[in-house]
């Protein structure tokens, strides 16, 4: 097994979240992915480094399996890989990735106000792109599945930042707002997945042990 794959599984098994660690460039992918990107940058052999990059992108795609069939999803992943490497990853990209100078060009004003951006910051940057993709899709089973996946992703992200949990109706309301009422899951009998706040659980366990 190639060395970079061995390191990948090691990272998944032993790396623990630590608030003192360096801030993640794209936090929606998690620290394990960022660690893999950092390792890829240290590989001297170009062919092995490129193979490592493909492994990372495939792993990133596995985080959102429902989006694999979207035409430009792979391109987005390679753009994100370039960003997470701070544009230092020297490989033969299968797509023309975004340029660093274009990344920091002032974007057009979004449909929602700045206060709304702050209000929904806990959902992460990726959720807006996912919602846009869902809205562009034709009505049907594939879009329905994507909408539910987005709602579950939002609920999981919300609980990560709110130890008190969240009601499904709150997620449906936020999703409707962010999609400009194009995604309405109310009154469809949808029950979102249950997620535990692992941070709260871990903290509580430590307090009990001290007693």
Protein backbone atom coordinates (compact mmCIF):
# COMPACT_ATOMS: atom_id res chain seq x y z
CA UNK A 1 0.00 0.00 0.00
CA UNK A 2 1.41 3.46 -0.92
CA UNK A 3 2.79 5.47 1.97
CA UNK A 4 0.30 8.29 1.52
CA UNK A 5 -2.65 5.89 1.91
CA UNK A 6 -1.18 4.48 5.11
CA UNK A 7 -0.80 8.00 6.46
CA UNK A 8 -4.38 8.75 5.45
CA UNK A 9 -5.80 5.97 7.59
CA UNK A 10 -3.50 6.93 10.45
CA UNK A 11 -4.81 10.47 10.32
CA UNK A 12 -8.41 9.27 10.37
CA UNK A 13 -7.82 7.07 13.39
CA UNK A 14 -5.67 9.22 15.67
CA UNK A 15 -6.21 12.88 14.85
CA UNK A 16 -8.43 14.53 17.48
CA UNK A 17 -10.10 17.87 17.20
CA UNK A 18 -8.22 20.61 19.00
CA UNK A 19 -9.36 24.22 19.17
CA UNK A 20 -5.73 25.30 19.48
CA UNK A 21 -4.85 23.92 16.02
CA UNK A 22 -4.33 26.18 13.04
CA UNK A 23 -7.55 27.51 11.55
CA UNK A 24 -8.85 25.37 8.68
CA UNK A 25 -8.92 26.96 5.22
CA UNK A 26 -12.17 25.17 4.26
CA UNK A 27 -13.61 23.88 7.55
CA UNK A 28 -16.49 22.03 5.87
CA UNK A 29 -14.06 19.30 4.81
CA UNK A 30 -12.64 18.77 8.28
CA UNK A 31 -9.12 18.61 9.67
CA UNK A 32 -8.34 15.12 8.36
CA UNK A 33 -8.68 16.27 4.75
CA UNK A 34 -6.52 19.33 5.46
CA UNK A 35 -3.89 17.06 7.02
CA UNK A 36 -3.85 14.94 3.88
CA UNK A 37 -3.39 18.05 1.72
CA UNK A 38 -0.52 19.20 3.92
CA UNK A 39 1.10 15.78 3.62
CA UNK A 40 0.62 15.76 -0.16
CA UNK A 41 2.63 18.97 -0.39
CA UNK A 42 5.62 17.21 1.18
CA UNK A 43 5.77 14.38 -1.39
CA UNK A 44 8.78 14.96 -3.64
CA UNK A 45 7.93 12.54 -6.45
CA UNK A 46 5.49 14.28 -8.83
CA UNK A 47 3.74 11.08 -9.92
CA UNK A 48 3.18 9.94 -6.35
CA UNK A 49 2.12 13.45 -5.36
CA UNK A 50 -0.47 13.48 -8.16
CA UNK A 51 -1.78 10.06 -7.13
CA UNK A 52 -2.12 11.36 -3.58
CA UNK A 53 -4.09 14.36 -4.85
CA UNK A 54 -6.54 12.09 -6.68
CA UNK A 55 -7.03 10.07 -3.48
CA UNK A 56 -7.79 13.24 -1.54
CA UNK A 57 -10.32 14.48 -4.11
CA UNK A 58 -12.09 11.11 -4.15
CA UNK A 59 -12.28 11.21 -0.36
CA UNK A 60 -13.67 14.76 -0.47
CA UNK A 61 -16.31 13.58 -2.94
CA UNK A 62 -17.29 10.71 -0.64
CA UNK A 63 -18.40 13.28 1.94
CA UNK A 64 -21.21 14.25 -0.45
CA UNK A 65 -22.03 11.09 -2.46
CA UNK A 66 -25.38 12.45 -3.67
CA UNK A 67 -23.54 15.10 -5.71
CA UNK A 68 -21.22 12.81 -7.67
CA UNK A 69 -23.35 12.93 -10.81
CA UNK A 70 -23.43 16.71 -11.03
CA UNK A 71 -21.51 17.87 -14.08
CA UNK A 72 -19.13 20.32 -12.39
CA UNK A 73 -18.87 18.76 -8.92
CA UNK A 74 -15.44 17.22 -9.61
CA UNK A 75 -14.21 20.56 -10.91
CA UNK A 76 -15.32 22.22 -7.68
CA UNK A 77 -13.46 19.61 -5.64
CA UNK A 78 -10.22 20.25 -7.53
CA UNK A 79 -10.69 23.99 -7.03
CA UNK A 80 -11.10 23.38 -3.31
CA UNK A 81 -7.99 21.18 -3.23
CA UNK A 82 -5.98 23.99 -4.80
CA UNK A 83 -7.35 26.43 -2.25
CA UNK A 84 -6.57 24.15 0.71
CA UNK A 85 -3.00 23.79 -0.55
CA UNK A 86 -2.76 27.58 -0.71
CA UNK A 87 -2.14 27.08 -4.45
CA UNK A 88 1.22 25.42 -3.75
CA UNK A 89 0.33 21.91 -4.97
CA UNK A 90 2.39 21.28 -8.10
CA UNK A 91 0.54 18.57 -10.06
CA UNK A 92 -1.16 18.09 -13.42
CA UNK A 93 -4.71 19.09 -12.57
CA UNK A 94 -7.44 17.42 -14.67
CA UNK A 95 -9.22 20.80 -14.79
CA UNK A 96 -8.11 24.40 -14.99
CA UNK A 97 -8.47 25.32 -11.33
CA UNK A 98 -9.29 28.73 -9.96
CA UNK A 99 -6.41 31.21 -9.78
CA UNK A 100 -5.36 32.69 -6.47
CA UNK A 101 -5.77 36.24 -7.71
CA UNK A 102 -9.35 35.53 -8.80
CA UNK A 103 -10.24 33.93 -5.47
CA UNK A 104 -9.89 37.21 -3.64
CA UNK A 105 -11.65 39.38 -6.20
CA UNK A 106 -14.55 41.17 -4.55
CA UNK A 107 -17.64 39.06 -5.36
CA UNK A 108 -20.99 40.37 -6.46
CA UNK A 109 -23.35 41.15 -3.65
CA UNK A 110 -25.21 37.96 -2.63
CA UNK A 111 -28.98 37.74 -2.60
CA UNK A 112 -28.99 37.84 1.21
CA UNK A 113 -27.66 40.72 3.32
CA UNK A 114 -24.43 40.70 5.32
CA UNK A 115 -26.43 40.26 8.50
CA UNK A 116 -27.96 37.11 7.00
CA UNK A 117 -24.47 35.77 6.23
CA UNK A 118 -23.53 36.13 9.88
CA UNK A 119 -26.85 34.69 10.98
CA UNK A 120 -26.30 31.46 9.04
CA UNK A 121 -22.54 31.20 9.46
CA UNK A 122 -22.90 27.96 11.45
CA UNK A 123 -24.01 26.10 8.30
CA UNK A 124 -20.65 26.67 6.59
CA UNK A 125 -19.70 28.05 3.20
CA UNK A 126 -20.49 24.91 1.21
CA UNK A 127 -24.19 24.86 2.04
CA UNK A 128 -24.96 27.85 -0.21
CA UNK A 129 -23.40 26.10 -3.21
CA UNK A 130 -25.36 22.93 -2.49
CA UNK A 131 -28.62 24.85 -2.25
CA UNK A 132 -27.92 26.58 -5.57
CA UNK A 133 -27.29 23.19 -7.20
CA UNK A 134 -30.55 21.79 -5.85
CA UNK A 135 -32.57 24.80 -7.04
CA UNK A 136 -31.12 24.44 -10.55
CA UNK A 137 -32.11 20.77 -10.79
CA UNK A 138 -35.36 19.55 -12.34
CA UNK A 139 -38.09 18.28 -10.05
CA UNK A 140 -37.74 14.58 -9.31
CA UNK A 141 -36.36 11.90 -7.03
CA UNK A 142 -32.73 13.01 -7.42
CA UNK A 143 -33.55 16.57 -6.37
CA UNK A 144 -35.73 15.33 -3.50
CA UNK A 145 -32.83 13.25 -2.18
CA UNK A 146 -30.43 16.17 -2.48
CA UNK A 147 -32.81 18.49 -0.61
CA UNK A 148 -33.10 16.01 2.26
CA UNK A 149 -29.32 15.55 2.30
CA UNK A 150 -28.88 19.33 2.53
CA UNK A 151 -31.37 19.56 5.39
CA UNK A 152 -29.59 16.78 7.30
CA UNK A 153 -26.22 18.47 6.67
CA UNK A 154 -27.63 21.74 8.02
CA UNK A 155 -29.01 20.02 11.11
CA UNK A 156 -25.69 18.32 11.84
CA UNK A 157 -23.83 21.63 11.41
CA UNK A 158 -26.33 23.46 13.62
CA UNK A 159 -26.00 20.95 16.45
CA UNK A 160 -22.22 21.21 16.32
CA UNK A 161 -22.54 24.86 17.36
CA UNK A 162 -25.63 24.59 19.56
CA UNK A 163 -25.54 22.13 22.44
CA UNK A 164 -29.30 22.52 22.99
CA UNK A 165 -30.11 20.82 19.68
CA UNK A 166 -32.53 22.01 17.02
CA UNK A 167 -36.04 21.22 15.84
CA UNK A 168 -36.50 19.98 12.27
CA UNK A 169 -38.93 22.83 11.63
CA UNK A 170 -36.15 25.35 12.31
CA UNK A 171 -33.96 23.67 9.66
CA UNK A 172 -36.85 23.68 7.18
CA UNK A 173 -37.44 27.40 7.83
CA UNK A 174 -33.76 28.26 7.33
CA UNK A 175 -33.54 26.15 4.18
CA UNK A 176 -36.63 27.81 2.73
CA UNK A 177 -35.14 31.23 3.47
CA UNK A 178 -31.70 30.46 2.03
CA UNK A 179 -33.25 28.97 -1.12
CA UNK A 180 -35.59 31.96 -1.58
CA UNK A 181 -38.58 29.68 -0.98
CA UNK A 182 -37.51 27.31 -3.77
CA UNK A 183 -37.01 24.42 -1.35
CA UNK A 184 -39.98 23.82 0.94
CA UNK A 185 -39.86 20.68 3.07
CA UNK A 186 -42.65 21.64 5.49
CA UNK A 187 -45.67 19.34 5.66
CA UNK A 188 -43.98 16.59 3.64
CA UNK A 189 -43.69 14.20 6.54
CA UNK A 190 -39.89 14.32 6.44
CA UNK A 191 -38.02 13.31 9.59
CA UNK A 192 -34.40 14.37 9.66
CA UNK A 193 -31.65 12.23 11.15
CA UNK A 194 -30.79 12.49 14.83
CA UNK A 195 -27.33 13.80 15.65
CA UNK A 196 -25.55 13.87 18.98
CA UNK A 197 -23.48 16.79 20.16
CA UNK A 198 -20.24 14.87 20.65
CA UNK A 199 -18.46 17.90 22.12
CA UNK A 200 -21.03 18.22 24.89
CA UNK A 201 -20.97 14.48 25.55
CA UNK A 202 -17.18 14.38 25.81
CA UNK A 203 -17.10 17.38 28.15
CA UNK A 204 -19.76 15.86 30.41
CA UNK A 205 -17.87 12.56 30.58
CA UNK A 206 -14.67 14.30 31.63
CA UNK A 207 -16.49 16.16 34.39
CA UNK A 208 -17.93 12.91 35.75
CA UNK A 209 -14.51 11.27 35.81
CA UNK A 210 -13.07 14.17 37.82
CA UNK A 211 -15.75 13.69 40.46
